[in-house]
């Protein structure tokens, strides 16, 4: 039960995170990103079912083509043998080598064709998985863009803003929650990607999934550095006492907590 990822649980977690975010920040654009993440989680659930399912029609067509190739090769060998017996000619060493070389070349070509056909289904599934993983990587960068301007130093209100300065309306507590939601969304992106590696045993897909996990982990680390800065500000007395207390309390609640 606990040795594989459950796609249903990932979808449920994404939906619950969306509810929490909507209740906490109903007017924030991050809601739209989280809604997209929920849709991607549901789509991945269906795609993984499609990947696991054997494609019998494709396999039947591949088996038929392979059978025709082998039959053609055997027919060629048998025809050559019968022609040699009819001619009643003794095959010399040079002729034997030439025939053997031609036969080996044909056998190699048949082997390459068979390998191409046998791996056709896997390559087809790999292509679909890689397109989905590319979308996940882009979604991770979109999430990172939303937390890009959420600088902990902004809560101290030092200096004057310029006309192009981003508008800052979040309290220290709200900023901590916002950053935490971004980190959770990045974690879900990584888990969605891991579903493809779990359902498709392919080295190329596994490498792409590992790349997404590395990217999301690095982004999440930057976010937690910002949260650590807020906590350090509070410890130094730069923030009002208890400004982040609600964040610590809610961190110990159930996953449905905002």
Protein backbone atom coordinates (compact mmCIF):
# COMPACT_ATOMS: atom_id res chain seq x y z
CA UNK A 1 0.00 0.00 0.00
CA UNK A 2 2.80 2.44 0.89
CA UNK A 3 5.31 1.42 -1.80
CA UNK A 4 3.64 3.23 -4.70
CA UNK A 5 2.14 6.65 -5.22
CA UNK A 6 -1.66 6.80 -5.26
CA UNK A 7 -2.86 9.08 -8.05
CA UNK A 8 -6.24 9.50 -6.35
CA UNK A 9 -4.56 10.82 -3.19
CA UNK A 10 -2.46 13.26 -5.20
CA UNK A 11 -5.58 14.61 -6.91
CA UNK A 12 -7.32 14.85 -3.54
CA UNK A 13 -4.35 16.72 -2.04
CA UNK A 14 -4.29 19.17 -4.97
CA UNK A 15 -8.03 19.81 -4.62
CA UNK A 16 -7.74 20.37 -0.88
CA UNK A 17 -4.84 22.76 -1.38
CA UNK A 18 -6.95 24.70 -3.86
CA UNK A 19 -9.75 25.00 -1.30
CA UNK A 20 -7.34 26.22 1.36
CA UNK A 21 -5.83 28.78 -0.99
CA UNK A 22 -9.26 30.01 -2.11
CA UNK A 23 -10.36 30.48 1.49
CA UNK A 24 -7.17 32.29 2.48
CA UNK A 25 -6.49 34.36 -0.67
CA UNK A 26 -9.71 34.52 -2.73
CA UNK A 27 -8.48 37.43 -4.89
CA UNK A 28 -4.95 36.20 -5.63
CA UNK A 29 -3.82 35.00 -9.05
CA UNK A 30 -2.22 32.00 -7.39
CA UNK A 31 -5.73 30.52 -7.23
CA UNK A 32 -5.79 30.21 -11.02
CA UNK A 33 -2.41 28.47 -11.00
CA UNK A 34 -3.62 26.03 -8.34
CA UNK A 35 -6.77 25.35 -10.39
CA UNK A 36 -4.51 24.52 -13.34
CA UNK A 37 -2.49 22.24 -11.07
CA UNK A 38 -5.68 20.39 -10.08
CA UNK A 39 -6.57 19.93 -13.75
CA UNK A 40 -3.07 18.64 -14.53
CA UNK A 41 -3.33 16.17 -11.63
CA UNK A 42 -6.63 14.82 -12.97
CA UNK A 43 -5.28 14.63 -16.53
CA UNK A 44 -2.19 12.80 -15.29
CA UNK A 45 -4.41 10.29 -13.50
CA UNK A 46 -6.12 9.47 -16.80
CA UNK A 47 -2.88 9.47 -18.79
CA UNK A 48 -1.24 7.04 -16.38
CA UNK A 49 -4.20 4.69 -16.76
CA UNK A 50 -3.71 4.91 -20.52
CA UNK A 51 0.03 4.24 -20.15
CA UNK A 52 -0.52 1.17 -17.96
CA UNK A 53 -3.09 -0.30 -20.33
CA UNK A 54 -1.70 -2.66 -23.01
CA UNK A 55 -2.62 -1.47 -26.51
CA UNK A 56 -3.81 -4.75 -28.00
CA UNK A 57 -4.58 -3.36 -31.46
CA UNK A 58 -1.07 -1.93 -31.84
CA UNK A 59 0.49 -5.11 -30.48
CA UNK A 60 -1.56 -7.24 -32.90
CA UNK A 61 -0.48 -5.10 -35.85
CA UNK A 62 3.17 -5.28 -34.76
CA UNK A 63 2.96 -9.07 -34.34
CA UNK A 64 1.43 -9.40 -37.83
CA UNK A 65 4.18 -7.29 -39.43
CA UNK A 66 6.92 -9.21 -37.60
CA UNK A 67 5.35 -12.46 -38.74
CA UNK A 68 5.35 -11.29 -42.36
CA UNK A 69 9.01 -10.22 -42.11
CA UNK A 70 10.08 -13.60 -40.72
CA UNK A 71 7.96 -15.44 -43.22
CA UNK A 72 9.50 -13.46 -46.08
CA UNK A 73 13.01 -14.16 -44.80
CA UNK A 74 12.35 -17.90 -44.45
CA UNK A 75 10.74 -17.99 -47.88
CA UNK A 76 13.85 -16.37 -49.36
CA UNK A 77 16.12 -18.93 -47.68
CA UNK A 78 14.00 -21.88 -48.81
CA UNK A 79 13.77 -20.53 -52.36
CA UNK A 80 17.52 -20.14 -52.57
CA UNK A 81 18.06 -23.70 -51.34
CA UNK A 82 15.62 -25.12 -53.87
CA UNK A 83 17.21 -23.12 -56.71
CA UNK A 84 20.65 -24.46 -55.80
CA UNK A 85 19.41 -28.07 -55.83
CA UNK A 86 17.68 -27.62 -59.20
CA UNK A 87 20.82 -26.16 -60.73
CA UNK A 88 22.73 -29.11 -59.25
CA UNK A 89 25.77 -26.98 -58.88
CA UNK A 90 28.41 -27.38 -56.25
CA UNK A 91 28.67 -24.26 -54.14
CA UNK A 92 32.26 -23.17 -53.83
CA UNK A 93 33.84 -21.52 -50.81
CA UNK A 94 33.71 -18.03 -52.33
CA UNK A 95 30.07 -18.43 -53.29
CA UNK A 96 29.29 -19.75 -49.83
CA UNK A 97 30.91 -16.73 -48.17
CA UNK A 98 29.00 -14.35 -50.43
CA UNK A 99 25.71 -16.06 -49.69
CA UNK A 100 26.48 -16.14 -45.97
CA UNK A 101 27.34 -12.41 -45.94
CA UNK A 102 24.15 -11.52 -47.80
CA UNK A 103 22.12 -13.69 -45.43
CA UNK A 104 23.67 -12.13 -42.35
CA UNK A 105 22.98 -8.62 -43.70
CA UNK A 106 19.36 -9.54 -44.31
CA UNK A 107 19.14 -11.08 -40.84
CA UNK A 108 20.52 -7.92 -39.23
CA UNK A 109 18.05 -5.77 -41.14
CA UNK A 110 15.19 -8.02 -40.06
CA UNK A 111 16.44 -7.86 -36.45
CA UNK A 112 16.56 -4.04 -36.54
CA UNK A 113 13.05 -3.91 -37.97
CA UNK A 114 11.76 -6.32 -35.33
CA UNK A 115 13.37 -4.27 -32.55
CA UNK A 116 11.84 -1.06 -33.94
CA UNK A 117 8.39 -2.62 -34.03
CA UNK A 118 8.64 -4.26 -30.61
CA UNK A 119 9.59 -0.95 -28.94
CA UNK A 120 7.00 1.06 -30.88
CA UNK A 121 4.43 1.00 -28.08
CA UNK A 122 6.97 2.06 -25.44
CA UNK A 123 8.25 4.91 -27.60
CA UNK A 124 4.70 6.06 -28.27
CA UNK A 125 3.94 6.14 -24.55
CA UNK A 126 7.29 7.83 -23.85
CA UNK A 127 6.48 10.61 -26.29
CA UNK A 128 3.15 11.28 -24.58
CA UNK A 129 4.75 11.21 -21.12
CA UNK A 130 7.53 13.62 -22.15
CA UNK A 131 5.03 16.13 -23.51
CA UNK A 132 3.17 16.04 -20.21
CA UNK A 133 6.40 16.39 -18.22
CA UNK A 134 7.32 19.42 -20.30
CA UNK A 135 4.00 21.02 -19.25
CA UNK A 136 4.78 20.20 -15.61
CA UNK A 137 8.19 21.85 -15.84
CA UNK A 138 6.58 25.00 -17.26
CA UNK A 139 3.95 24.97 -14.50
CA UNK A 140 6.67 24.81 -11.85
CA UNK A 141 8.26 27.95 -13.30
CA UNK A 142 4.87 29.69 -13.29
CA UNK A 143 4.53 28.92 -9.57
CA UNK A 144 8.03 30.24 -8.99
CA UNK A 145 7.13 33.47 -10.79
CA UNK A 146 4.27 34.08 -8.35
CA UNK A 147 6.56 33.99 -5.33
CA UNK A 148 9.36 35.90 -7.05
CA UNK A 149 8.39 39.35 -5.75
CA UNK A 150 7.35 38.13 -2.30
CA UNK A 151 10.42 39.53 -0.55
CA UNK A 152 10.46 39.24 3.28
CA UNK A 153 12.24 42.59 3.48
CA UNK A 154 9.12 44.25 2.10
CA UNK A 155 7.20 43.68 5.33
CA UNK A 156 9.61 46.05 7.10
CA UNK A 157 8.52 48.87 4.76
CA UNK A 158 12.00 50.34 4.46
CA UNK A 159 12.43 53.19 2.01
CA UNK A 160 9.98 54.49 -0.54
CA UNK A 161 8.40 52.47 -3.35
CA UNK A 162 8.82 53.48 -6.97
CA UNK A 163 6.07 53.55 -9.56
CA UNK A 164 7.16 50.13 -10.79
CA UNK A 165 7.50 48.54 -7.34
CA UNK A 166 5.18 45.55 -6.79
CA UNK A 167 2.23 46.24 -4.52
CA UNK A 168 2.69 44.63 -1.13
CA UNK A 169 -0.46 44.06 0.94
CA UNK A 170 0.39 40.86 2.81
CA UNK A 171 1.01 40.76 6.53
CA UNK A 172 3.98 38.71 7.78
CA UNK A 173 1.60 35.87 8.64
CA UNK A 174 -0.13 36.00 5.23
CA UNK A 175 3.21 36.16 3.45
CA UNK A 176 4.34 33.02 5.28
CA UNK A 177 1.17 31.20 4.29
CA UNK A 178 1.47 32.37 0.68
CA UNK A 179 5.03 31.11 0.43
CA UNK A 180 4.07 27.85 2.11
CA UNK A 181 1.29 27.30 -0.45
CA UNK A 182 3.78 27.85 -3.27
CA UNK A 183 6.10 25.27 -1.72
CA UNK A 184 3.26 22.74 -1.42
CA UNK A 185 2.27 23.31 -5.04
CA UNK A 186 5.85 22.67 -6.17
CA UNK A 187 5.89 19.47 -4.14
CA UNK A 188 2.68 18.31 -5.83
CA UNK A 189 4.23 19.06 -9.23
CA UNK A 190 7.11 16.74 -8.35
CA UNK A 191 4.72 13.99 -7.20
CA UNK A 192 2.66 14.27 -10.38
CA UNK A 193 5.84 13.85 -12.41
CA UNK A 194 6.80 10.80 -10.35
CA UNK A 195 3.56 9.11 -11.44
CA UNK A 196 4.91 8.88 -14.99
CA UNK A 197 8.14 7.23 -13.82
CA UNK A 198 6.11 4.83 -11.69
CA UNK A 199 3.84 3.74 -14.55
CA UNK A 200 6.38 3.70 -17.39
CA UNK A 201 9.69 1.89 -16.98
CA UNK A 202 11.75 4.03 -19.34
CA UNK A 203 15.17 5.60 -18.76
CA UNK A 204 14.37 8.77 -20.73
CA UNK A 205 11.17 9.39 -18.77
CA UNK A 206 12.94 8.68 -15.48
CA UNK A 207 15.65 11.23 -16.34
CA UNK A 208 13.00 13.86 -17.16
CA UNK A 209 11.19 13.16 -13.88
CA UNK A 210 14.44 13.47 -11.92
CA UNK A 211 15.09 16.80 -13.61
CA UNK A 212 11.67 18.10 -12.57
CA UNK A 213 12.22 16.94 -9.00
CA UNK A 214 15.59 18.73 -8.91
CA UNK A 215 14.02 21.93 -10.26
CA UNK A 216 11.08 21.91 -7.85
CA UNK A 217 13.34 21.08 -4.89
CA UNK A 218 15.63 24.02 -5.71
CA UNK A 219 12.64 26.36 -6.04
CA UNK A 220 11.15 25.12 -2.79
CA UNK A 221 14.48 25.65 -1.04
CA UNK A 222 14.46 29.31 -2.11
CA UNK A 223 10.95 29.67 -0.71
CA UNK A 224 11.89 28.19 2.65
CA UNK A 225 14.87 30.52 2.83
CA UNK A 226 12.38 33.39 2.66
CA UNK A 227 10.24 31.81 5.39
CA UNK A 228 13.40 31.39 7.48
CA UNK A 229 14.17 35.07 7.00
CA UNK A 230 10.74 35.99 8.35
CA UNK A 231 11.25 33.78 11.38
CA UNK A 232 14.67 35.30 11.96
CA UNK A 233 13.19 38.81 11.76
CA UNK A 234 10.68 37.90 14.42
CA UNK A 235 13.39 36.46 16.68
CA UNK A 236 15.42 39.68 16.34
CA UNK A 237 12.41 41.81 17.22
CA UNK A 238 12.14 43.32 13.75
CA UNK A 239 8.55 42.06 13.52
CA UNK A 240 5.77 42.42 16.11
CA UNK A 241 5.85 39.66 18.70
CA UNK A 242 3.69 36.75 17.61
CA UNK A 243 3.43 37.98 14.01
CA UNK A 244 4.11 34.45 12.72
CA UNK A 245 2.51 32.57 15.60
CA UNK A 246 -0.60 31.63 13.66
CA UNK A 247 1.62 30.08 11.01
CA UNK A 248 3.26 27.82 13.59
CA UNK A 249 -0.12 26.86 15.04
CA UNK A 250 -1.60 26.01 11.66
CA UNK A 251 1.47 24.05 10.65
CA UNK A 252 0.48 21.45 13.26
CA UNK A 253 -3.12 21.13 12.11
CA UNK A 254 -4.67 18.76 9.61
CA UNK A 255 -3.81 19.13 5.92
CA UNK A 256 -7.16 20.88 5.40
CA UNK A 257 -6.07 23.80 7.53
CA UNK A 258 -5.38 27.09 5.75
